[in-house]
Amino acid sequence: MGEPVSATQAAQVAQYQLGDAVLVRGEGIRSWDDTGREYLDCVSGTFNLLLGHNHPEVMAAVRAQTEELTFASSSFRTGPTDRVMRDLVEMSPANLTRVNLRSSGGSTANEGAIKIAQHHTGRRDVIVPFRGHVGQTIAATAFNGSARMREPFPVHGAGAVHVPDAYCFRCFYRQTPDTCGMLCVERIEDFITYASSGRVACVLIEPISGMGGNIVPPAGYFEALRALCDEHGIVLIFDEIQTAFGRTGEMFAADYFGVRPHMMTVAKGLTGSGLPLAAILTEERMAGWDRSLHGFTHGGHTLAAAAAVKTLEIIRRPGFLENVRAVGAILVERLTALRAEHPVLGDIRGPGLMLGVELVRPDGAKAPQAAAAFQRALHARGVLTRVSEHGLGNVIELRPPLILTPPEAHVIADRFGDALEFLRRDSPRWDAAP
């Protein structure tokens, strides 16, 4: 391994800002840094450690595959890649019958889905919600909903049409779910008519937003959105990079909402323990795609596919999804109970273990300073979380590995309560306006 690198040396060579801690080991929902400090990983790495750190069965499958074949060109088939594609079709909504396995991450999977939709429809534009996060490549950046993610780059690809999200807690149209008449879908007609090129290829949407604040659309939203897409011949793409494979307590968010998209992208949790692999699932009518139009060196990587095969087996075992729903309900109940003493907790939302905790000021406005302070207090108590909008938002993202147990859920909730008490006692104005 050689001599360890100091923090100063690392900072001198890294092109980007580094974190403070050096993680050296992980097991289950826990990880440890080089000082021996233990953390409860409540964001599953980067939302991708679906089965936690170093799941023994997944690691064994990867080790076994290294003894046979570590990598194959996409000119060839392998047992693991064949199996992953078959399993994805078996698990996914019945209308999704084809799999493109040539991406290794969510950004390129989403770009591939857009390319397929454009190729299939002969149209250009992509509708994305305001807070939607499409990816980090230059093309995906142009479609991101947040201007902050687009602003640093002088050239943007054409065709992005951004529309208000179904954010009931802060409704763009100043409505409530019982009176709005689903304006967040109805008004998309106006965006198509007046803000698009008139040639809309697809709607690309996270069923529950990831970076955008864990926004959960109301009942009926996706049925209305699917109907609008069908009326206009628009391809509805569910970006399930963060929501797939049990995160919502159902296999896919499409199952949770009871709506079948025309296409779906998956990545992050697909391999269970952090190896990179992504897939695009399409309807049969989109088959026949020339593979040279979308492919990457490490797409469909053999080792990652072996990890995915074992992961998909594990999450389909009896009782797995039931546990996700049960521990998620514990967290929601415990965190909701804290609101009575801590009104800074404006909203706790999300199904399964796809949870968001929105922090508000006394007047109900967003409280990003409170979210940042709360995250620091949680970190000091060994709980790893993230703040929405790449750290600038006001929602704590809480997405622990799906192997979380009820006792561990209670420990997390206890530490949330401890952090809130500390901040109220020692920082009485932590939830105030800046």
Foldseek 3Di string as FASTA:
>chain_A
DDDDDDPVRVVVPDPDDDDDFAWDDWDFQWTATPVGDIFREQCCPVLQQQRTAPDPVLVVLLVVVVVPDFFDFPVDDDPLLVLLQVLCCVQAPVQFRGKDQFDFDQLQLLVVVQVLLCVLQVFAAEEEELQAQRDQDQASLLQHNDVVSVVVDDDYDDHHQYAHDLQQLDDPVPDHPVPPPLCSQVCVVVCCVPVGPVGARAYEYACQHDQRFRGHHDQPNVVSNVVVCVVVVHFYEHEQQNAACQQQLGRGVCVVNVHDGQKYKYWRHLLNHDGTTIMITHGPSSPPDDSVVRHDRCGSGPSSSSSNSVSSVVSPDPPLSVQQQVLQVVLQVLVVVCCVVPVQQPDWDGGRQFIKTFGAAPVRHGQLLLQLQLQVQLVVVNYHWAHHPRSRGGITTGHGHSVDGNVNSVVSSVSSNVSRVCCCVVPVCSRPDD
